[in-house]
Each structure stands twice: as structure tokens, then as C-alpha cells.
């Protein structure tokens, strides 16, 4: 076994720690609940299987569970996404 298998390290551990930190910082949901957010599709699928939250481009942390087609796109996510395409 590798060291990461013994210690539970690796990128999954870093992702989990980041998610927990961001989740703690996002106690006041505010306008984020009114929008659909941009998240990597693989992360959405992983969340569906594990129940773990995802992190949107804007920083919102949540567990997806609603139809994103029913909400407008988050302007912050959209702005970040557009800037990444350039």
C-alpha cells in the first residue's frame, strides 16, 4: 500500500478539507439559493453518488438536489465562467 492509503491523504483529503472550510464560511446563504450554479459535471455526478457537497465557481457550497433549469444562472458563476473561456 502507498502512504496515502495508510494515512487517507491525497487530493480527496484536500478536497474534503476545502469543502468543510467553505461550508463553514457559507452559513448565510443569501441570494445563492435563487440561482443555478456552475459546477464541474464530474463533481455533480460524484455528489449524487456520495451525497457530499459541491463547490460552485462562485464559492457556494451545497448538495445539489433541485432542477437547475427552474432557476436563472448565478451572475457570479457566469462571469467567472466567461472569463475562463478567454
Protein backbone atom coordinates (compact mmCIF):
# COMPACT_ATOMS: atom_id res chain seq x y z
CA UNK A 1 0.00 0.00 0.00
CA UNK A 2 1.13 3.55 -0.65
CA UNK A 3 1.49 6.19 2.08
CA UNK A 4 -1.74 7.90 1.01
CA UNK A 5 -3.68 4.67 1.51
CA UNK A 6 -2.39 4.37 5.07
CA UNK A 7 -2.94 7.98 6.06
CA UNK A 8 -6.02 8.75 4.00
CA UNK A 9 -4.10 11.57 2.29
CA UNK A 10 -4.11 12.67 -1.30
CA UNK A 11 -6.28 15.07 -3.22
CA UNK A 12 -9.56 13.64 -1.89
CA UNK A 13 -8.50 14.67 1.61
CA UNK A 14 -7.62 18.18 0.43
CA UNK A 15 -10.93 18.46 -1.43
CA UNK A 16 -12.83 17.35 1.68
CA UNK A 17 -10.98 19.84 3.90
CA UNK A 18 -11.65 22.67 1.43
CA UNK A 19 -15.33 21.74 1.23
CA UNK A 20 -15.62 21.70 5.02
CA UNK A 21 -13.86 25.06 5.34
CA UNK A 22 -16.00 26.70 2.67
CA UNK A 23 -19.16 25.16 4.11
CA UNK A 24 -18.39 26.69 7.50
CA UNK A 25 -17.82 30.10 5.89
CA UNK A 26 -21.12 29.99 3.96
CA UNK A 27 -23.58 29.97 6.86
CA UNK A 28 -25.62 32.83 5.34
CA UNK A 29 -26.93 31.51 2.02
CA UNK A 30 -28.48 34.77 0.78
CA UNK A 31 -29.01 35.17 -2.94
CA UNK A 32 -27.19 31.94 -3.77
CA UNK A 33 -30.42 29.99 -3.24
CA UNK A 34 -32.15 31.89 -6.05
CA UNK A 35 -29.75 30.71 -8.77
CA UNK A 36 -28.38 27.72 -10.61
CA UNK A 37 -24.62 27.47 -10.25
CA UNK A 38 -21.75 26.28 -12.43
CA UNK A 39 -20.02 23.14 -11.17
CA UNK A 40 -17.90 20.55 -12.98
CA UNK A 41 -20.22 17.77 -14.23
CA UNK A 42 -17.97 15.08 -12.75
CA UNK A 43 -18.33 16.72 -9.33
CA UNK A 44 -22.13 16.73 -9.71
CA UNK A 45 -22.11 13.01 -10.51
CA UNK A 46 -19.78 12.27 -7.59
CA UNK A 47 -22.06 14.26 -5.29
CA UNK A 48 -25.08 12.29 -6.48
CA UNK A 49 -23.30 9.05 -5.58
CA UNK A 50 -21.71 10.13 -2.30
CA UNK A 51 -24.07 12.81 -1.00
CA UNK A 52 -21.11 15.12 -0.42
CA UNK A 53 -21.47 18.84 -1.26
CA UNK A 54 -20.01 20.52 -4.32
CA UNK A 55 -18.38 23.93 -4.72
CA UNK A 56 -19.65 26.26 -7.46
CA UNK A 57 -17.40 28.69 -9.31
CA UNK A 58 -18.76 31.49 -7.13
CA UNK A 59 -17.84 29.62 -3.95
CA UNK A 60 -21.30 28.40 -2.95
CA UNK A 61 -21.14 25.03 -1.21
CA UNK A 62 -24.23 22.81 -1.30
CA UNK A 63 -25.52 19.34 -2.12
CA UNK A 64 -27.35 19.52 -5.46
CA UNK A 65 -30.90 18.29 -5.36
CA UNK A 66 -33.12 20.58 -7.40
CA UNK A 67 -33.73 21.11 -11.10
CA UNK A 68 -31.29 23.83 -12.24
CA UNK A 69 -33.47 24.55 -15.27
CA UNK A 70 -36.01 26.23 -12.97
CA UNK A 71 -33.62 28.98 -11.84
CA UNK A 72 -31.59 31.71 -13.54
CA UNK A 73 -27.82 31.26 -13.74
CA UNK A 74 -25.80 32.81 -10.92
CA UNK A 75 -24.29 36.02 -12.32
CA UNK A 76 -21.03 35.49 -10.43
CA UNK A 77 -20.64 31.93 -11.74
CA UNK A 78 -21.43 33.13 -15.25
CA UNK A 79 -18.88 35.95 -15.05
CA UNK A 80 -16.17 33.59 -13.79
CA UNK A 81 -17.00 31.01 -16.43
CA UNK A 82 -16.89 33.60 -19.22
CA UNK A 83 -13.50 34.87 -18.02
CA UNK A 84 -12.16 31.29 -18.01
CA UNK A 85 -13.14 30.81 -21.66
CA UNK A 86 -10.95 33.69 -22.80
